[in-house]
Amino acid sequence: MAFTRVAKTSDIIEGHGKCVDVGGKKIALFNDGGTFYAIDDTCPHKGGPLSEGQLNGNNVTCPWHAAVFDVTTGAHLSGPGASNVNKYAVQVVGDDVEVDA
């Protein structure tokens, strides 16, 4: 595993996401109650930015067409399209958030 520092814990507001770049990949990084999760930022349906979606517990809703994904697994739960997104390992070291993508 090769973790890359992508943010400070204070950069991602609880209950929200942020798009980060890891080796040229757009990754959506979410803060769910102080636990951080990372999935692909691009919705497989029409390319919507998942990092801008509404986070409700472990589920994020794509802001474009309301497809819903589980941020803990990348699983597609409902809405248009039927493809999962990739999930990436996240670790917090001090106040740095690191992603293995």
N, C-alpha and C. Protein backbone atom coordinates (compact mmCIF):
# COMPACT_ATOMS: atom_id res chain seq x y z
N MET A 1 0.84 -1.19 0.00
CA MET A 1 0.00 0.00 0.00
C MET A 1 0.89 1.24 0.00
N ALA A 2 0.49 2.21 -0.79
CA ALA A 2 1.22 3.46 -0.88
C ALA A 2 0.26 4.61 -0.59
N PHE A 3 0.20 5.02 0.65
CA PHE A 3 -0.70 6.09 1.03
C PHE A 3 -0.13 7.44 0.64
N THR A 4 -1.04 8.33 0.20
CA THR A 4 -0.69 9.69 -0.20
C THR A 4 -1.46 10.67 0.68
N ARG A 5 -0.75 11.65 1.25
CA ARG A 5 -1.42 12.68 2.04
C ARG A 5 -2.24 13.54 1.09
N VAL A 6 -3.55 13.69 1.41
CA VAL A 6 -4.43 14.45 0.51
C VAL A 6 -5.12 15.63 1.18
N ALA A 7 -5.16 15.63 2.52
CA ALA A 7 -5.88 16.71 3.22
C ALA A 7 -5.53 16.68 4.70
N LYS A 8 -5.90 17.74 5.37
CA LYS A 8 -5.90 17.78 6.83
C LYS A 8 -7.31 17.40 7.28
N THR A 9 -7.43 16.82 8.46
CA THR A 9 -8.76 16.43 8.95
C THR A 9 -9.69 17.64 9.00
N SER A 10 -9.14 18.81 9.27
CA SER A 10 -9.96 20.03 9.36
C SER A 10 -10.42 20.55 7.99
N ASP A 11 -9.84 20.01 6.91
CA ASP A 11 -10.22 20.45 5.55
C ASP A 11 -11.57 19.92 5.11
N ILE A 12 -12.02 18.82 5.72
CA ILE A 12 -13.27 18.20 5.29
C ILE A 12 -14.28 18.31 6.42
N ILE A 13 -15.28 19.13 6.21
CA ILE A 13 -16.32 19.38 7.21
C ILE A 13 -17.11 18.11 7.45
N GLU A 14 -17.41 17.83 8.70
CA GLU A 14 -18.20 16.65 9.04
C GLU A 14 -19.51 16.64 8.26
N GLY A 15 -19.83 15.50 7.66
CA GLY A 15 -21.06 15.36 6.87
C GLY A 15 -20.93 15.82 5.44
N HIS A 16 -19.70 16.12 5.01
CA HIS A 16 -19.46 16.61 3.65
C HIS A 16 -18.33 15.86 2.98
N GLY A 17 -18.16 16.14 1.69
CA GLY A 17 -17.09 15.54 0.91
C GLY A 17 -16.23 16.60 0.26
N LYS A 18 -15.11 16.15 -0.28
CA LYS A 18 -14.19 17.03 -0.99
C LYS A 18 -13.50 16.20 -2.06
N CYS A 19 -13.31 16.77 -3.23
CA CYS A 19 -12.58 16.10 -4.29
C CYS A 19 -11.09 16.32 -4.07
N VAL A 20 -10.33 15.21 -4.09
CA VAL A 20 -8.88 15.28 -3.98
C VAL A 20 -8.28 14.52 -5.15
N ASP A 21 -7.04 14.83 -5.47
CA ASP A 21 -6.34 14.17 -6.57
C ASP A 21 -5.29 13.24 -5.99
N VAL A 22 -5.34 11.99 -6.41
CA VAL A 22 -4.34 11.01 -5.98
C VAL A 22 -3.76 10.37 -7.24
N GLY A 23 -2.56 10.77 -7.60
CA GLY A 23 -1.91 10.19 -8.77
C GLY A 23 -2.70 10.37 -10.04
N GLY A 24 -3.38 11.49 -10.19
CA GLY A 24 -4.17 11.77 -11.39
C GLY A 24 -5.60 11.25 -11.33
N LYS A 25 -5.97 10.58 -10.25
CA LYS A 25 -7.35 10.10 -10.07
C LYS A 25 -8.12 11.10 -9.22
N LYS A 26 -9.37 11.37 -9.63
CA LYS A 26 -10.26 12.19 -8.81
C LYS A 26 -10.93 11.28 -7.79
N ILE A 27 -10.69 11.58 -6.52
CA ILE A 27 -11.22 10.78 -5.42
C ILE A 27 -12.13 11.66 -4.57
N ALA A 28 -13.29 11.13 -4.20
CA ALA A 28 -14.21 11.82 -3.29
C ALA A 28 -13.88 11.36 -1.88
N LEU A 29 -13.49 12.32 -1.04
CA LEU A 29 -13.13 12.03 0.34
C LEU A 29 -14.23 12.58 1.24
N PHE A 30 -14.78 11.73 2.11
CA PHE A 30 -15.90 12.10 2.96
C PHE A 30 -15.55 12.00 4.43
N ASN A 31 -16.16 12.88 5.23
CA ASN A 31 -16.04 12.86 6.68
C ASN A 31 -17.40 12.51 7.25
N ASP A 32 -17.53 11.30 7.75
CA ASP A 32 -18.79 10.86 8.36
C ASP A 32 -18.55 10.69 9.87
N GLY A 33 -18.84 11.74 10.61
CA GLY A 33 -18.69 11.69 12.06
C GLY A 33 -17.25 11.51 12.52
N GLY A 34 -16.30 12.03 11.76
CA GLY A 34 -14.90 11.92 12.12
C GLY A 34 -14.21 10.70 11.54
N THR A 35 -14.96 9.86 10.83
CA THR A 35 -14.38 8.73 10.11
C THR A 35 -14.35 9.11 8.63
N PHE A 36 -13.21 8.86 7.99
CA PHE A 36 -13.03 9.30 6.62
C PHE A 36 -13.12 8.11 5.66
N TYR A 37 -13.77 8.35 4.51
CA TYR A 37 -13.96 7.34 3.48
C TYR A 37 -13.59 7.94 2.13
N ALA A 38 -13.10 7.09 1.23
CA ALA A 38 -12.72 7.55 -0.11
C ALA A 38 -13.28 6.61 -1.16
N ILE A 39 -13.94 7.20 -2.17
CA ILE A 39 -14.47 6.47 -3.31
C ILE A 39 -14.16 7.28 -4.56
N ASP A 40 -14.36 6.67 -5.74
CA ASP A 40 -14.22 7.43 -6.98
C ASP A 40 -15.13 8.65 -6.93
N ASP A 41 -14.64 9.78 -7.45
CA ASP A 41 -15.45 11.00 -7.44
C ASP A 41 -16.45 11.03 -8.58
N THR A 42 -16.23 10.25 -9.62
CA THR A 42 -17.07 10.32 -10.81
C THR A 42 -18.18 9.27 -10.78
N CYS A 43 -19.42 9.73 -10.80
CA CYS A 43 -20.56 8.81 -10.83
C CYS A 43 -20.56 8.07 -12.17
N PRO A 44 -20.69 6.75 -12.14
CA PRO A 44 -20.66 5.99 -13.39
C PRO A 44 -21.87 6.21 -14.30
N HIS A 45 -22.93 6.83 -13.79
CA HIS A 45 -24.13 7.05 -14.61
C HIS A 45 -23.87 8.10 -15.68
N LYS A 46 -23.58 9.33 -15.28
CA LYS A 46 -23.35 10.41 -16.25
C LYS A 46 -22.17 11.30 -15.87
N GLY A 47 -21.34 10.83 -14.92
CA GLY A 47 -20.12 11.57 -14.60
C GLY A 47 -20.25 12.64 -13.53
N GLY A 48 -21.33 12.63 -12.77
CA GLY A 48 -21.52 13.64 -11.73
C GLY A 48 -20.45 13.55 -10.65
N PRO A 49 -20.14 14.70 -10.01
CA PRO A 49 -19.12 14.75 -8.97
C PRO A 49 -19.67 14.28 -7.62
N LEU A 50 -19.36 13.06 -7.23
CA LEU A 50 -19.91 12.52 -6.00
C LEU A 50 -19.47 13.31 -4.77
N SER A 51 -18.29 13.94 -4.83
CA SER A 51 -17.82 14.73 -3.69
C SER A 51 -18.73 15.91 -3.39
N GLU A 52 -19.54 16.32 -4.36
CA GLU A 52 -20.48 17.43 -4.16
C GLU A 52 -21.87 16.94 -3.76
N GLY A 53 -22.02 15.63 -3.60
CA GLY A 53 -23.31 15.06 -3.26
C GLY A 53 -23.65 15.21 -1.79
N GLN A 54 -24.92 14.97 -1.49
CA GLN A 54 -25.42 15.02 -0.12
C GLN A 54 -25.04 13.74 0.60
N LEU A 55 -24.35 13.87 1.75
CA LEU A 55 -23.99 12.71 2.55
C LEU A 55 -25.02 12.53 3.64
N ASN A 56 -25.60 11.33 3.69
CA ASN A 56 -26.59 11.00 4.71
C ASN A 56 -26.15 9.69 5.36
N GLY A 57 -25.50 9.79 6.51
CA GLY A 57 -24.90 8.60 7.11
C GLY A 57 -23.80 8.10 6.22
N ASN A 58 -23.86 6.83 5.84
CA ASN A 58 -22.84 6.24 4.97
C ASN A 58 -23.17 6.36 3.49
N ASN A 59 -24.27 7.04 3.15
CA ASN A 59 -24.71 7.10 1.76
C ASN A 59 -24.53 8.50 1.19
N VAL A 60 -24.02 8.54 -0.04
CA VAL A 60 -23.90 9.81 -0.75
C VAL A 60 -24.80 9.74 -1.98
N THR A 61 -25.51 10.84 -2.22
CA THR A 61 -26.41 10.95 -3.37
C THR A 61 -25.76 11.84 -4.42
N CYS A 62 -25.62 11.33 -5.63
CA CYS A 62 -25.04 12.10 -6.72
C CYS A 62 -25.87 13.36 -6.94
N PRO A 63 -25.23 14.52 -7.05
CA PRO A 63 -25.98 15.77 -7.21
C PRO A 63 -26.64 15.93 -8.58
N TRP A 64 -26.25 15.12 -9.57
CA TRP A 64 -26.82 15.27 -10.90
C TRP A 64 -28.11 14.49 -11.10
N HIS A 65 -28.14 13.21 -10.77
CA HIS A 65 -29.31 12.39 -11.08
C HIS A 65 -29.76 11.49 -9.93
N ALA A 66 -29.23 11.74 -8.73
CA ALA A 66 -29.69 11.10 -7.49
C ALA A 66 -29.36 9.62 -7.35
N ALA A 67 -28.34 9.14 -8.05
CA ALA A 67 -27.86 7.78 -7.77
C ALA A 67 -27.25 7.79 -6.37
N VAL A 68 -27.41 6.71 -5.63
CA VAL A 68 -26.93 6.64 -4.25
C VAL A 68 -25.87 5.56 -4.12
N PHE A 69 -24.78 5.90 -3.42
CA PHE A 69 -23.66 4.99 -3.21
C PHE A 69 -23.31 4.92 -1.73
N ASP A 70 -22.87 3.75 -1.29
CA ASP A 70 -22.38 3.56 0.07
C ASP A 70 -20.90 3.96 0.08
N VAL A 71 -20.55 4.99 0.87
CA VAL A 71 -19.16 5.46 0.89
C VAL A 71 -18.22 4.49 1.57
N THR A 72 -18.76 3.54 2.34
CA THR A 72 -17.90 2.57 3.03
C THR A 72 -17.49 1.41 2.12
N THR A 73 -18.26 1.17 1.06
CA THR A 73 -17.97 0.03 0.17
C THR A 73 -17.89 0.41 -1.31
N GLY A 74 -18.46 1.55 -1.69
CA GLY A 74 -18.55 1.94 -3.10
C GLY A 74 -19.74 1.32 -3.80
N ALA A 75 -20.58 0.59 -3.09
CA ALA A 75 -21.72 -0.11 -3.69
C ALA A 75 -22.79 0.87 -4.17
N HIS A 76 -23.32 0.61 -5.37
CA HIS A 76 -24.46 1.36 -5.89
C HIS A 76 -25.70 0.85 -5.16
N LEU A 77 -26.46 1.76 -4.56
CA LEU A 77 -27.62 1.36 -3.76
C LEU A 77 -28.94 1.61 -4.45
N SER A 78 -29.03 2.71 -5.20
CA SER A 78 -30.30 3.01 -5.89
C SER A 78 -30.07 4.11 -6.91
N GLY A 79 -31.11 4.35 -7.70
CA GLY A 79 -31.06 5.41 -8.70
C GLY A 79 -30.52 4.92 -10.03
N PRO A 80 -30.33 5.86 -10.95
CA PRO A 80 -29.90 5.49 -12.30
C PRO A 80 -28.51 4.87 -12.31
N GLY A 81 -28.30 4.05 -13.31
CA GLY A 81 -27.04 3.33 -13.42
C GLY A 81 -27.05 2.16 -12.45
N ALA A 82 -26.16 1.24 -12.63
CA ALA A 82 -26.15 0.09 -11.73
C ALA A 82 -24.73 -0.35 -11.42
N SER A 83 -23.78 0.55 -11.60
CA SER A 83 -22.38 0.20 -11.38
C SER A 83 -21.89 0.72 -10.04
N ASN A 84 -21.09 -0.09 -9.38
CA ASN A 84 -20.42 0.35 -8.16
C ASN A 84 -19.28 1.28 -8.53
N VAL A 85 -18.75 1.99 -7.54
CA VAL A 85 -17.54 2.79 -7.72
C VAL A 85 -16.45 2.16 -6.85
N ASN A 86 -15.22 2.47 -7.17
CA ASN A 86 -14.11 1.94 -6.39
C ASN A 86 -14.05 2.62 -5.03
N LYS A 87 -13.68 1.83 -4.02
CA LYS A 87 -13.46 2.32 -2.67
C LYS A 87 -11.96 2.24 -2.40
N TYR A 88 -11.44 3.20 -1.65
CA TYR A 88 -10.01 3.24 -1.37
C TYR A 88 -9.76 3.28 0.13
N ALA A 89 -8.65 2.68 0.54
CA ALA A 89 -8.26 2.68 1.95
C ALA A 89 -7.87 4.09 2.37
N VAL A 90 -8.27 4.45 3.59
CA VAL A 90 -7.96 5.77 4.16
C VAL A 90 -7.34 5.54 5.53
N GLN A 91 -6.35 6.36 5.84
CA GLN A 91 -5.80 6.36 7.19
C GLN A 91 -5.57 7.80 7.63
N VAL A 92 -5.67 8.02 8.93
CA VAL A 92 -5.40 9.33 9.50
C VAL A 92 -4.13 9.20 10.34
N VAL A 93 -3.17 10.04 10.03
CA VAL A 93 -1.89 10.07 10.75
C VAL A 93 -1.74 11.47 11.33
N GLY A 94 -1.90 11.58 12.63
CA GLY A 94 -1.92 12.90 13.25
C GLY A 94 -3.18 13.61 12.76
N ASP A 95 -2.98 14.75 12.08
CA ASP A 95 -4.15 15.43 11.49
C ASP A 95 -4.12 15.37 9.96
N ASP A 96 -3.30 14.47 9.41
CA ASP A 96 -3.24 14.27 7.97
C ASP A 96 -4.15 13.10 7.56
N VAL A 97 -4.89 13.30 6.49
CA VAL A 97 -5.71 12.23 5.91
C VAL A 97 -4.94 11.70 4.70
N GLU A 98 -4.75 10.39 4.66
CA GLU A 98 -4.01 9.75 3.59
C GLU A 98 -4.89 8.71 2.89
N VAL A 99 -4.75 8.62 1.56
CA VAL A 99 -5.53 7.68 0.76
C VAL A 99 -4.59 6.81 -0.03
N ASP A 100 -4.93 5.54 -0.13
CA ASP A 100 -4.21 4.59 -0.96
C ASP A 100 -5.03 4.34 -2.21
N ALA A 101 -4.64 4.99 -3.30
CA ALA A 101 -5.42 4.85 -4.55
C ALA A 101 -4.53 4.45 -5.70
